[in-house]
Amino acid sequence: MKKVKLTLSVPENGVKLAKRYARKNKTTVSSLVNRFFASLENSQSPQTPLTDSLTGIAKLPKGMDEKELLEDAILEKHLR
């Protein structure tokens, strides 16, 4: 795949955050941006390494779907 240089304008704190995140995850900012763009093609919300690492760790109670679990949490929060 041919690589092309891309110039972005990002606030300084965003650049620092991206570099720190990339370093912690043993990757590069370019790789993070490339994965983000690729995720746009595959879904409506971008996947990140953090999202990937957390996917599937929570188990729903038997017989309950995500919508019911969310409804229960909202009711508990607002009816206490």
N, C-alpha and C. Protein backbone atom coordinates (compact mmCIF):
# COMPACT_ATOMS: atom_id res chain seq x y z
N MET A 1 0.85 -1.17 0.00
CA MET A 1 0.00 0.00 0.00
C MET A 1 0.90 1.24 0.00
N LYS A 2 0.60 2.17 -0.89
CA LYS A 2 1.36 3.40 -0.99
C LYS A 2 1.01 4.32 0.18
N LYS A 3 2.03 4.88 0.82
CA LYS A 3 1.80 5.81 1.92
C LYS A 3 1.84 7.24 1.40
N VAL A 4 0.94 8.06 1.90
CA VAL A 4 0.84 9.46 1.51
C VAL A 4 0.89 10.30 2.78
N LYS A 5 1.63 11.38 2.74
CA LYS A 5 1.74 12.25 3.90
C LYS A 5 0.47 13.07 4.05
N LEU A 6 -0.01 13.23 5.29
CA LEU A 6 -1.21 13.98 5.60
C LEU A 6 -0.88 14.98 6.70
N THR A 7 -1.25 16.22 6.51
CA THR A 7 -1.02 17.24 7.53
C THR A 7 -2.35 17.56 8.20
N LEU A 8 -2.38 17.49 9.53
CA LEU A 8 -3.58 17.76 10.31
C LEU A 8 -3.34 18.94 11.23
N SER A 9 -4.38 19.66 11.53
CA SER A 9 -4.32 20.71 12.55
C SER A 9 -5.05 20.21 13.78
N VAL A 10 -4.30 20.03 14.86
CA VAL A 10 -4.84 19.48 16.09
C VAL A 10 -4.33 20.35 17.24
N PRO A 11 -5.17 20.61 18.24
CA PRO A 11 -4.66 21.37 19.40
C PRO A 11 -3.45 20.67 20.02
N GLU A 12 -2.55 21.45 20.55
CA GLU A 12 -1.30 20.92 21.11
C GLU A 12 -1.54 19.82 22.14
N ASN A 13 -2.54 20.02 23.00
CA ASN A 13 -2.81 19.00 24.02
C ASN A 13 -3.29 17.69 23.38
N GLY A 14 -3.97 17.79 22.24
CA GLY A 14 -4.41 16.59 21.53
C GLY A 14 -3.23 15.80 20.97
N VAL A 15 -2.24 16.52 20.47
CA VAL A 15 -1.03 15.87 19.95
C VAL A 15 -0.29 15.17 21.09
N LYS A 16 -0.15 15.87 22.22
CA LYS A 16 0.54 15.27 23.37
C LYS A 16 -0.20 14.01 23.84
N LEU A 17 -1.51 14.09 23.90
CA LEU A 17 -2.31 12.95 24.31
C LEU A 17 -2.14 11.78 23.34
N ALA A 18 -2.19 12.07 22.06
CA ALA A 18 -2.05 11.02 21.04
C ALA A 18 -0.68 10.35 21.13
N LYS A 19 0.37 11.15 21.30
CA LYS A 19 1.72 10.59 21.40
C LYS A 19 1.88 9.74 22.66
N ARG A 20 1.34 10.23 23.77
CA ARG A 20 1.42 9.47 25.03
C ARG A 20 0.66 8.16 24.90
N TYR A 21 -0.55 8.22 24.33
CA TYR A 21 -1.37 7.02 24.14
C TYR A 21 -0.66 6.02 23.23
N ALA A 22 -0.10 6.52 22.13
CA ALA A 22 0.60 5.65 21.18
C ALA A 22 1.79 4.98 21.87
N ARG A 23 2.56 5.74 22.63
CA ARG A 23 3.72 5.19 23.33
C ARG A 23 3.30 4.10 24.32
N LYS A 24 2.24 4.37 25.09
CA LYS A 24 1.76 3.39 26.07
C LYS A 24 1.29 2.11 25.40
N ASN A 25 0.75 2.22 24.19
CA ASN A 25 0.21 1.07 23.47
C ASN A 25 1.15 0.53 22.41
N LYS A 26 2.42 0.97 22.48
CA LYS A 26 3.47 0.47 21.59
C LYS A 26 3.06 0.54 20.12
N THR A 27 2.61 1.71 19.71
CA THR A 27 2.23 1.95 18.33
C THR A 27 2.62 3.37 17.96
N THR A 28 2.17 3.84 16.83
CA THR A 28 2.48 5.20 16.39
C THR A 28 1.20 5.99 16.23
N VAL A 29 1.32 7.30 16.22
CA VAL A 29 0.17 8.15 15.99
C VAL A 29 -0.37 7.89 14.59
N SER A 30 0.51 7.71 13.62
CA SER A 30 0.07 7.41 12.25
C SER A 30 -0.76 6.13 12.22
N SER A 31 -0.33 5.12 12.95
CA SER A 31 -1.08 3.86 13.00
C SER A 31 -2.44 4.07 13.66
N LEU A 32 -2.49 4.87 14.72
CA LEU A 32 -3.76 5.15 15.38
C LEU A 32 -4.73 5.84 14.42
N VAL A 33 -4.23 6.83 13.68
CA VAL A 33 -5.07 7.56 12.73
C VAL A 33 -5.54 6.62 11.63
N ASN A 34 -4.64 5.78 11.14
CA ASN A 34 -5.00 4.82 10.09
C ASN A 34 -6.08 3.85 10.58
N ARG A 35 -5.94 3.35 11.80
CA ARG A 35 -6.96 2.45 12.37
C ARG A 35 -8.29 3.16 12.53
N PHE A 36 -8.24 4.43 12.94
CA PHE A 36 -9.46 5.20 13.08
C PHE A 36 -10.18 5.32 11.74
N PHE A 37 -9.44 5.69 10.69
CA PHE A 37 -10.05 5.83 9.36
C PHE A 37 -10.61 4.49 8.89
N ALA A 38 -9.88 3.41 9.12
CA ALA A 38 -10.35 2.08 8.72
C ALA A 38 -11.63 1.71 9.46
N SER A 39 -11.72 2.11 10.73
CA SER A 39 -12.91 1.78 11.52
C SER A 39 -14.14 2.52 11.00
N LEU A 40 -13.95 3.69 10.40
CA LEU A 40 -15.08 4.44 9.86
C LEU A 40 -15.74 3.66 8.73
N GLU A 41 -14.95 2.95 8.00
CA GLU A 41 -15.47 2.17 6.88
C GLU A 41 -16.24 0.94 7.37
N ASN A 42 -15.85 0.40 8.52
CA ASN A 42 -16.43 -0.86 9.02
C ASN A 42 -17.61 -0.69 9.95
N SER A 43 -17.77 0.48 10.53
CA SER A 43 -18.87 0.66 11.48
C SER A 43 -19.21 2.14 11.59
N GLN A 44 -20.27 2.41 12.34
CA GLN A 44 -20.66 3.80 12.54
C GLN A 44 -19.88 4.45 13.67
N SER A 45 -19.33 3.67 14.57
CA SER A 45 -18.53 4.24 15.65
C SER A 45 -17.14 3.62 15.61
N PRO A 46 -16.11 4.44 15.76
CA PRO A 46 -14.75 3.93 15.63
C PRO A 46 -14.35 3.00 16.76
N GLN A 47 -13.60 1.96 16.42
CA GLN A 47 -13.05 1.05 17.40
C GLN A 47 -11.66 1.56 17.78
N THR A 48 -11.34 1.50 19.01
CA THR A 48 -10.02 1.88 19.49
C THR A 48 -9.40 0.67 20.17
N PRO A 49 -8.11 0.68 20.41
CA PRO A 49 -7.51 -0.44 21.14
C PRO A 49 -8.19 -0.67 22.49
N LEU A 50 -8.59 0.41 23.16
CA LEU A 50 -9.28 0.27 24.44
C LEU A 50 -10.62 -0.43 24.25
N THR A 51 -11.38 0.01 23.24
CA THR A 51 -12.67 -0.63 22.95
C THR A 51 -12.46 -2.10 22.64
N ASP A 52 -11.46 -2.39 21.80
CA ASP A 52 -11.18 -3.77 21.44
C ASP A 52 -10.86 -4.62 22.68
N SER A 53 -10.08 -4.05 23.61
CA SER A 53 -9.68 -4.82 24.79
C SER A 53 -10.84 -5.05 25.75
N LEU A 54 -11.84 -4.17 25.72
CA LEU A 54 -12.96 -4.30 26.65
C LEU A 54 -14.16 -5.06 26.06
N THR A 55 -14.16 -5.24 24.75
CA THR A 55 -15.28 -5.91 24.10
C THR A 55 -15.42 -7.34 24.61
N GLY A 56 -16.62 -7.66 25.07
CA GLY A 56 -16.93 -9.02 25.49
C GLY A 56 -16.61 -9.36 26.93
N ILE A 57 -16.10 -8.42 27.74
CA ILE A 57 -15.73 -8.78 29.11
C ILE A 57 -16.93 -8.78 30.05
N ALA A 58 -17.98 -8.04 29.70
CA ALA A 58 -19.17 -8.00 30.55
C ALA A 58 -20.17 -9.05 30.07
N LYS A 59 -20.74 -9.76 30.99
CA LYS A 59 -21.74 -10.78 30.65
C LYS A 59 -23.10 -10.30 31.17
N LEU A 60 -24.09 -10.39 30.31
CA LEU A 60 -25.45 -10.00 30.70
C LEU A 60 -26.08 -11.12 31.53
N PRO A 61 -26.94 -10.76 32.48
CA PRO A 61 -27.67 -11.79 33.21
C PRO A 61 -28.51 -12.61 32.23
N LYS A 62 -28.69 -13.89 32.53
CA LYS A 62 -29.47 -14.76 31.65
C LYS A 62 -30.88 -14.20 31.45
N GLY A 63 -31.33 -14.22 30.21
CA GLY A 63 -32.68 -13.77 29.89
C GLY A 63 -32.83 -12.26 29.82
N MET A 64 -31.73 -11.51 29.86
CA MET A 64 -31.81 -10.05 29.83
C MET A 64 -30.96 -9.54 28.67
N ASP A 65 -31.51 -8.58 27.92
CA ASP A 65 -30.73 -7.98 26.84
C ASP A 65 -30.22 -6.60 27.27
N GLU A 66 -29.43 -5.97 26.39
CA GLU A 66 -28.81 -4.69 26.73
C GLU A 66 -29.85 -3.62 27.06
N LYS A 67 -30.95 -3.62 26.31
CA LYS A 67 -31.98 -2.61 26.52
C LYS A 67 -32.61 -2.74 27.91
N GLU A 68 -32.90 -3.97 28.30
CA GLU A 68 -33.49 -4.19 29.63
C GLU A 68 -32.51 -3.81 30.74
N LEU A 69 -31.25 -4.14 30.55
CA LEU A 69 -30.24 -3.80 31.55
C LEU A 69 -30.12 -2.28 31.69
N LEU A 70 -30.14 -1.57 30.57
CA LEU A 70 -30.08 -0.11 30.61
C LEU A 70 -31.31 0.47 31.29
N GLU A 71 -32.48 -0.05 30.96
CA GLU A 71 -33.72 0.42 31.59
C GLU A 71 -33.66 0.23 33.10
N ASP A 72 -33.20 -0.94 33.54
CA ASP A 72 -33.08 -1.21 34.98
C ASP A 72 -32.13 -0.22 35.66
N ALA A 73 -31.00 0.06 35.01
CA ALA A 73 -30.02 0.97 35.59
C ALA A 73 -30.59 2.39 35.69
N ILE A 74 -31.31 2.82 34.67
CA ILE A 74 -31.91 4.16 34.69
C ILE A 74 -32.97 4.26 35.78
N LEU A 75 -33.80 3.23 35.88
CA LEU A 75 -34.83 3.24 36.92
C LEU A 75 -34.21 3.26 38.31
N GLU A 76 -33.19 2.45 38.50
CA GLU A 76 -32.53 2.40 39.82
C GLU A 76 -31.90 3.77 40.16
N LYS A 77 -31.27 4.39 39.16
CA LYS A 77 -30.62 5.67 39.38
C LYS A 77 -31.63 6.76 39.75
N HIS A 78 -32.77 6.79 39.06
CA HIS A 78 -33.69 7.90 39.22
C HIS A 78 -34.82 7.65 40.23
N LEU A 79 -34.95 6.43 40.68
CA LEU A 79 -36.02 6.14 41.63
C LEU A 79 -35.51 5.88 43.03
N ARG A 80 -34.24 6.08 43.25
CA ARG A 80 -33.68 5.88 44.60
C ARG A 80 -34.09 6.99 45.50
